Amino acid sequence: MRTQQHSKDSYDVVVVGGGAAGLSAALILGRSRRSVLVVDAGEPRNAPAAHMHGYPSRDGMAPGAFLAEVRREIAAYGVELVRGRVTAAEPDGADAFDVTLADGGLVHARRLVVATGLVDELPDLPGVAERWGNDVIHCPYCHGWEVRDQAIGVLYSQASGSHQALLFSQLSHDVTLFLDGADEDDLPDADWQLLAAAGVSVVSGKLDGLVVTDDALSGVRLADGREFARSVFVVPPRMTPRDSLLTALGARTKDTPAGPFTDVDPTGLTSVPGVWAVGNATGPAEQVVNAASAGYRAGATLNAELLHADLARAAERRKEGVFSPEGERAVARARTARAGSVGA
């Protein structure tokens, strides 16, 4: 990754965030010959994971290796990438922005793509943070195959209820849902019926922490001293978007099961003219393949929007007499003459 300062003071697009979504948008824009600057703080959500899954042709690839490959690809199209943070973006008329970097740098951007992702805030349970991304996981689609047929514990939460435990029951016949102090009455009768049908055990009582043996999860310990042998523990993190830049710009939000996230149209356009948001900045369920797809759509839409804006401005200049009708007709006659000579 480049660490030196950006080479220009003005760009067609500044992309804030260098994960799958931001780099995908930059790739499409670079291929469209747009001047693009990617500002990346180097904090991808999936950094703790050894592998990523569900991305055709890249299933099982290390997240860091994936990002390195896409960085190489965007560089081939002239996209600049610098390590840093964007601390502010101030509208500068005509949907353009003055963008301030943490190191004091200032660049002008005609448009913005915000791909700052989210932060997984983990439960305050001893052992969870240390094992996160290893044998403490959260997603059956990201990690489920790798933990199949193991003894899996699932931490109950009000938001997810029994859903995760039921999903993991597809992957193992030994799944236990830990209520962690929640009342059994918090689970609806329908959930109890589904858990029983799936063969999922339910344990009441407050949790005290995880048991680790020889650098591997070996169990879950309750406050009353009981221990349950588990080799995998599933926790529901609180997913908090990194949306301070979008909030400062006044972007509208929408409610999701994980809380408010920036509201966007199908192309990623926010309620702020000239600002697109993609990836986990717009929702908690954007996996790598979804984020890359969102970046692609935003990049293609944004490029077309810039093209039409430029052409509309050129047409307006013609109407204002910058280009005379006589001059336009002369150019058209010359083109016709050239075409005729080629076909003769």
Protein backbone atom coordinates (compact mmCIF):
# COMPACT_ATOMS: atom_id res chain seq x y z
CA MET A 1 0.00 0.00 0.00
CA ARG A 2 1.21 3.49 -0.82
CA THR A 3 1.92 5.58 2.22
CA GLN A 4 3.10 8.76 0.52
CA GLN A 5 0.84 11.75 0.01
CA HIS A 6 -1.66 11.81 -2.83
CA SER A 7 -0.28 13.18 -6.09
CA LYS A 8 -3.09 15.59 -7.00
CA ASP A 9 -5.26 18.17 -5.29
CA SER A 10 -8.47 17.28 -7.12
CA TYR A 11 -10.10 14.00 -8.11
CA ASP A 12 -13.28 12.90 -9.79
CA VAL A 13 -13.97 10.58 -6.86
CA VAL A 14 -12.55 10.08 -3.39
CA VAL A 15 -13.31 6.64 -1.96
CA VAL A 16 -13.23 6.53 1.83
CA GLY A 17 -12.37 2.99 2.90
CA GLY A 18 -10.28 0.33 1.17
CA GLY A 19 -12.19 -2.88 1.82
CA ALA A 20 -13.98 -4.99 -0.77
CA ALA A 21 -16.73 -2.41 -1.36
CA GLY A 22 -14.48 0.63 -1.71
CA LEU A 23 -11.89 -1.13 -3.87
CA SER A 24 -14.59 -2.55 -6.14
CA ALA A 25 -16.00 0.94 -6.74
CA ALA A 26 -12.47 2.24 -7.37
CA LEU A 27 -11.78 -0.56 -9.85
CA ILE A 28 -14.80 0.27 -12.01
CA LEU A 29 -14.11 4.00 -11.84
CA GLY A 30 -10.46 3.50 -12.71
CA ARG A 31 -11.40 1.37 -15.71
CA SER A 32 -13.63 4.28 -16.79
CA ARG A 33 -10.56 6.57 -16.75
CA ARG A 34 -11.75 8.51 -13.74
CA SER A 35 -9.22 10.07 -11.39
CA VAL A 36 -9.73 8.25 -8.10
CA LEU A 37 -8.15 8.48 -4.67
CA VAL A 38 -8.79 5.72 -2.11
CA VAL A 39 -8.12 6.69 1.50
CA ASP A 40 -7.83 3.57 3.65
CA ALA A 41 -7.34 3.39 7.42
CA GLY A 42 -6.38 -0.30 7.16
CA GLU A 43 -9.03 -1.66 9.54
CA PRO A 44 -11.05 -4.26 7.61
CA ARG A 45 -13.81 -5.92 9.58
CA ASN A 46 -12.67 -9.43 8.67
CA ALA A 47 -9.02 -8.90 9.65
CA PRO A 48 -9.26 -11.39 12.59
CA ALA A 49 -10.41 -14.18 10.26
CA ALA A 50 -7.89 -16.49 8.63
CA HIS A 51 -10.05 -17.06 5.56
CA MET A 52 -13.08 -15.62 3.79
CA HIS A 53 -15.82 -17.73 2.23
CA GLY A 54 -18.72 -17.51 -0.16
CA TYR A 55 -16.86 -15.52 -2.83
CA PRO A 56 -16.80 -17.60 -6.05
CA SER A 57 -13.21 -18.30 -7.19
CA ARG A 58 -11.86 -16.81 -3.94
CA ASP A 59 -13.43 -19.16 -1.38
CA GLY A 60 -10.95 -19.84 1.42
CA MET A 61 -8.63 -16.98 0.48
CA ALA A 62 -7.03 -15.00 3.30
CA PRO A 63 -8.68 -11.56 3.61
CA GLY A 64 -5.32 -9.79 3.53
CA ALA A 65 -4.26 -11.60 0.37
CA PHE A 66 -7.57 -10.73 -1.29
CA LEU A 67 -7.17 -7.02 -0.53
CA ALA A 68 -3.55 -7.04 -1.72
CA GLU A 69 -4.62 -8.53 -5.05
CA VAL A 70 -7.38 -5.95 -5.60
CA ARG A 71 -4.98 -3.13 -4.69
CA ARG A 72 -2.65 -4.39 -7.40
CA GLU A 73 -5.53 -4.44 -9.87
CA ILE A 74 -6.71 -0.89 -9.19
CA ALA A 75 -3.16 0.46 -9.43
CA ALA A 76 -3.01 -0.83 -13.01
CA TYR A 77 -5.79 1.63 -13.88
CA GLY A 78 -4.16 4.63 -12.27
CA VAL A 79 -6.15 4.60 -9.02
CA GLU A 80 -4.20 6.07 -6.12
CA LEU A 81 -4.39 4.52 -2.67
CA VAL A 82 -3.02 6.09 0.50
CA ARG A 83 -3.03 5.03 4.11
CA GLY A 84 -4.96 7.51 6.21
CA ARG A 85 -8.30 8.73 7.48
CA VAL A 86 -10.80 11.22 6.21
CA THR A 87 -11.80 13.45 9.11
CA ALA A 88 -14.23 15.76 7.30
CA ALA A 89 -15.95 16.36 3.99
CA GLU A 90 -17.47 19.77 3.36
CA PRO A 91 -19.86 20.37 0.45
CA ASP A 92 -18.37 22.77 -2.08
CA GLY A 93 -21.30 23.32 -4.44
CA ALA A 94 -22.49 21.26 -7.44
CA ASP A 95 -22.36 18.07 -5.36
CA ALA A 96 -18.58 18.47 -4.89
CA PHE A 97 -16.60 18.28 -1.64
CA ASP A 98 -13.49 19.48 0.13
CA VAL A 99 -12.05 16.42 1.85
CA THR A 100 -9.78 16.75 4.89
CA LEU A 101 -7.36 13.97 5.85
CA ALA A 102 -6.11 13.28 9.36
CA ASP A 103 -2.55 14.23 8.39
CA GLY A 104 -3.75 17.70 7.40
CA GLY A 105 -3.98 17.00 3.69
CA LEU A 106 -6.84 18.54 1.72
CA VAL A 107 -8.21 17.31 -1.60
CA HIS A 108 -11.19 18.23 -3.72
CA ALA A 109 -13.60 15.53 -4.86
CA ARG A 110 -16.41 15.87 -7.34
CA ARG A 111 -18.10 12.89 -5.71
CA LEU A 112 -17.65 10.68 -2.63
CA VAL A 113 -17.95 6.95 -2.04
CA VAL A 114 -18.06 6.08 1.66
CA ALA A 115 -17.08 2.46 2.37
CA THR A 116 -16.03 2.72 6.01
CA GLY A 117 -17.69 -0.52 7.16
CA LEU A 118 -18.67 -1.33 10.71
CA VAL A 119 -17.23 -2.39 14.04
CA ASP A 120 -18.17 -5.65 15.76
CA GLU A 121 -18.62 -4.79 19.44
CA LEU A 122 -18.22 -8.05 21.34
CA PRO A 123 -20.01 -9.16 24.51
CA ASP A 124 -18.10 -8.39 27.69
CA LEU A 125 -17.45 -12.04 28.46
CA PRO A 126 -13.95 -13.20 29.46
CA GLY A 127 -12.22 -15.03 26.63
CA VAL A 128 -14.44 -13.86 23.79
CA ALA A 129 -12.25 -11.05 22.45
CA GLU A 130 -9.10 -13.18 22.65
CA ARG A 131 -10.65 -16.04 20.63
CA TRP A 132 -12.60 -13.86 18.16
CA GLY A 133 -12.17 -15.00 14.57
CA ASN A 134 -10.68 -18.31 15.68
CA ASP A 135 -13.03 -20.60 17.63
CA VAL A 136 -15.31 -17.74 18.67
CA ILE A 137 -17.36 -16.87 15.60
CA HIS A 138 -20.68 -15.33 14.63
CA CYS A 139 -21.73 -16.35 11.10
CA PRO A 140 -22.68 -19.83 9.85
CA TYR A 141 -22.05 -18.78 6.25
CA CYS A 142 -18.60 -17.36 7.00
CA HIS A 143 -17.30 -20.12 9.29
CA GLY A 144 -19.94 -22.85 9.57
CA TRP A 145 -18.41 -25.44 7.25
CA GLU A 146 -15.10 -25.22 9.08
CA VAL A 147 -16.71 -26.05 12.44
CA ARG A 148 -19.09 -28.73 11.21
CA ASP A 149 -19.73 -31.70 13.50
CA GLN A 150 -18.06 -29.99 16.44
CA ALA A 151 -19.54 -29.20 19.86
CA ILE A 152 -20.99 -25.72 19.28
CA GLY A 153 -22.25 -23.28 21.88
CA VAL A 154 -24.42 -20.32 20.91
CA LEU A 155 -24.88 -17.21 23.06
CA TYR A 156 -28.49 -16.06 23.24
CA SER A 157 -29.36 -12.46 22.54
CA GLN A 158 -32.66 -10.64 22.52
CA ALA A 159 -32.12 -9.57 18.92
CA SER A 160 -31.22 -12.94 17.38
CA GLY A 161 -33.21 -15.19 19.70
CA SER A 162 -32.88 -18.83 18.67
CA HIS A 163 -32.07 -18.07 15.03
CA GLN A 164 -28.32 -18.68 15.13
CA ALA A 165 -28.68 -21.87 17.14
CA LEU A 166 -31.12 -23.21 14.55
CA LEU A 167 -28.80 -22.32 11.68
CA PHE A 168 -25.83 -24.03 13.31
CA SER A 169 -27.93 -27.13 13.94
CA GLN A 170 -27.64 -27.77 10.20
CA LEU A 171 -23.90 -28.13 10.65
CA SER A 172 -23.65 -30.14 13.86
CA HIS A 173 -25.82 -32.46 15.93
CA ASP A 174 -24.24 -31.07 19.12
CA VAL A 175 -25.50 -27.49 19.53
CA THR A 176 -26.31 -25.81 22.86
CA LEU A 177 -27.99 -22.44 23.30
CA PHE A 178 -26.78 -20.57 26.41
CA LEU A 179 -29.35 -18.08 27.74
CA ASP A 180 -26.76 -16.16 29.80
CA GLY A 181 -29.20 -15.05 32.48
CA ALA A 182 -32.15 -14.43 30.19
CA ASP A 183 -35.46 -15.80 31.41
CA GLU A 184 -36.67 -18.94 29.70
CA ASP A 185 -39.98 -17.16 29.19
CA ASP A 186 -38.16 -14.75 26.86
CA LEU A 187 -38.19 -17.53 24.28
CA PRO A 188 -41.60 -17.85 22.59
CA ASP A 189 -43.28 -21.26 22.56
CA ALA A 190 -42.66 -21.47 18.80
CA ASP A 191 -38.90 -21.12 19.41
CA TRP A 192 -38.91 -23.90 22.00
CA GLN A 193 -40.68 -26.17 19.51
CA LEU A 194 -38.17 -25.40 16.77
CA LEU A 195 -35.20 -25.91 19.09
CA ALA A 196 -36.58 -29.27 20.18
CA ALA A 197 -37.16 -30.30 16.56
CA ALA A 198 -33.58 -29.31 15.70
CA GLY A 199 -32.13 -31.19 18.67
CA VAL A 200 -30.66 -28.03 20.24
CA SER A 201 -30.07 -28.12 24.01
CA VAL A 202 -30.82 -25.03 26.11
CA VAL A 203 -28.87 -24.05 29.24
CA SER A 204 -30.10 -21.41 31.66
CA GLY A 205 -27.88 -19.44 34.02
CA LYS A 206 -25.44 -16.55 33.80
CA LEU A 207 -22.16 -17.17 31.98
CA ASP A 208 -18.82 -16.50 33.68
CA GLY A 209 -16.41 -16.97 30.77
CA LEU A 210 -14.80 -19.32 28.32
CA VAL A 211 -12.45 -22.18 29.17
CA VAL A 212 -9.30 -22.37 27.05
CA THR A 213 -6.92 -25.32 27.06
CA ASP A 214 -3.66 -25.41 25.09
CA ASP A 215 -4.68 -22.33 23.10
CA ALA A 216 -7.99 -23.82 22.05
CA LEU A 217 -11.53 -23.34 23.33
CA SER A 218 -12.51 -26.30 25.45
CA GLY A 219 -15.63 -25.17 27.28
CA VAL A 220 -18.06 -22.59 28.59
CA ARG A 221 -18.21 -21.84 32.33
CA LEU A 222 -21.30 -20.60 34.16
CA ALA A 223 -21.31 -18.34 37.19
CA ASP A 224 -22.48 -21.24 39.38
CA GLY A 225 -19.34 -23.18 38.46
CA ARG A 226 -20.81 -25.58 35.95
CA GLU A 227 -18.79 -26.16 32.79
CA PHE A 228 -19.98 -27.41 29.43
CA ALA A 229 -17.48 -28.82 26.97
CA ARG A 230 -17.59 -26.79 23.74
CA SER A 231 -15.00 -26.39 20.99
CA VAL A 232 -16.80 -23.53 19.20
CA PHE A 233 -18.71 -20.58 20.62
CA VAL A 234 -21.04 -18.39 18.57
CA VAL A 235 -21.61 -14.84 19.79
CA PRO A 236 -23.85 -12.08 18.40
CA PRO A 237 -21.73 -8.91 18.21
CA ARG A 238 -23.29 -5.50 18.27
CA MET A 239 -22.69 -4.19 14.76
CA THR A 240 -21.99 -0.47 14.82
CA PRO A 241 -21.46 1.35 11.51
CA ARG A 242 -18.51 3.67 11.06
CA ASP A 243 -20.82 6.39 9.84
CA SER A 244 -19.50 9.58 11.45
CA LEU A 245 -18.64 11.07 8.06
CA LEU A 246 -22.08 10.24 6.68
CA THR A 247 -23.79 11.56 9.78
CA ALA A 248 -21.86 14.83 9.58
CA LEU A 249 -22.98 15.19 5.96
CA GLY A 250 -26.60 14.73 7.05
CA ALA A 251 -27.25 11.38 5.39
CA ARG A 252 -30.62 9.86 6.21
CA THR A 253 -30.64 6.56 8.15
CA LYS A 254 -32.96 3.57 8.21
CA ASP A 255 -33.80 1.17 11.01
CA THR A 256 -32.47 -2.39 10.79
CA PRO A 257 -32.54 -5.30 13.29
CA ALA A 258 -29.00 -4.22 14.23
CA GLY A 259 -29.91 -0.55 14.68
CA PRO A 260 -29.79 2.49 12.38
CA PHE A 261 -27.69 2.35 9.20
CA THR A 262 -27.31 4.81 6.33
CA ASP A 263 -30.22 4.64 3.91
CA VAL A 264 -29.26 4.22 0.24
CA ASP A 265 -31.02 3.52 -3.03
CA PRO A 266 -30.24 0.34 -5.03
CA THR A 267 -27.12 1.99 -6.49
CA GLY A 268 -25.75 3.13 -3.11
CA LEU A 269 -26.74 6.79 -3.46
CA THR A 270 -27.46 8.39 -0.07
CA SER A 271 -29.89 11.22 0.64
CA VAL A 272 -26.93 13.61 0.22
CA PRO A 273 -26.38 14.57 -3.44
CA GLY A 274 -23.00 13.37 -4.67
CA VAL A 275 -22.44 10.87 -1.84
CA TRP A 276 -22.63 7.10 -2.28
CA ALA A 277 -22.29 4.58 0.57
CA VAL A 278 -21.51 0.89 0.07
CA GLY A 279 -20.75 -2.26 2.04
CA ASN A 280 -21.24 -2.61 5.78
CA ALA A 281 -21.64 1.13 6.16
CA THR A 282 -25.16 0.55 4.81
CA GLY A 283 -26.15 -2.64 6.63
CA PRO A 284 -24.95 -5.48 8.85
CA ALA A 285 -25.45 -8.35 6.41
CA GLU A 286 -23.07 -7.30 3.63
CA GLN A 287 -20.59 -10.14 3.23
CA VAL A 288 -17.47 -9.68 1.07
CA VAL A 289 -19.18 -10.78 -2.14
CA ASN A 290 -22.18 -8.51 -1.45
CA ALA A 291 -19.92 -5.58 -0.62
CA ALA A 292 -17.94 -6.01 -3.84
CA SER A 293 -21.18 -6.11 -5.83
CA ALA A 294 -22.44 -2.94 -4.15
CA GLY A 295 -19.18 -1.18 -4.94
CA TYR A 296 -19.43 -2.21 -8.58
CA ARG A 297 -23.00 -0.83 -8.89
CA ALA A 298 -22.05 2.42 -7.19
CA GLY A 299 -18.97 2.89 -9.36
CA ALA A 300 -20.84 2.29 -12.61
CA THR A 301 -23.74 4.55 -11.61
CA LEU A 302 -21.45 7.28 -10.38
CA ASN A 303 -19.39 7.25 -13.57
CA ALA A 304 -22.53 7.61 -15.72
CA GLU A 305 -23.78 10.42 -13.48
CA LEU A 306 -20.52 12.32 -13.91
CA LEU A 307 -20.56 11.75 -17.66
CA HIS A 308 -24.05 13.17 -18.04
CA ALA A 309 -23.20 16.10 -15.78
CA ASP A 310 -20.19 16.93 -17.97
CA LEU A 311 -22.17 16.60 -21.19
CA ALA A 312 -24.99 18.76 -19.83
CA ARG A 313 -22.46 21.42 -18.90
CA ALA A 314 -20.92 21.26 -22.39
CA ALA A 315 -24.35 21.58 -23.97
CA GLU A 316 -25.08 24.59 -21.80
CA ARG A 317 -21.83 26.23 -22.91
CA ARG A 318 -22.86 25.73 -26.51
CA LYS A 319 -26.19 27.38 -25.85
CA GLU A 320 -24.38 30.30 -24.25
CA GLY A 321 -22.41 30.81 -27.47
CA VAL A 322 -19.08 29.41 -26.38
CA PHE A 323 -19.43 27.20 -29.47
CA SER A 324 -21.12 28.91 -32.42
CA PRO A 325 -23.69 27.11 -34.58
CA GLU A 326 -21.49 27.84 -37.57
CA GLY A 327 -18.56 26.16 -35.89
CA GLU A 328 -20.69 23.12 -35.00
CA ARG A 329 -21.90 22.81 -38.61
CA ALA A 330 -18.35 23.10 -39.90
CA VAL A 331 -17.22 20.28 -37.60
CA ALA A 332 -20.15 18.13 -38.71
CA ARG A 333 -19.38 18.78 -42.42
CA ALA A 334 -15.74 17.85 -41.87
CA ARG A 335 -16.73 14.57 -40.18
CA THR A 336 -19.11 13.77 -43.04
CA ALA A 337 -16.41 14.49 -45.63
CA ARG A 338 -13.95 12.20 -43.82
CA ALA A 339 -16.53 9.42 -43.63
CA GLY A 340 -17.26 9.76 -47.34
CA SER A 341 -13.60 9.57 -48.32
CA VAL A 342 -13.07 6.45 -46.23
CA GLY A 343 -16.01 4.73 -47.89
CA ALA A 344 -15.02 5.74 -51.44
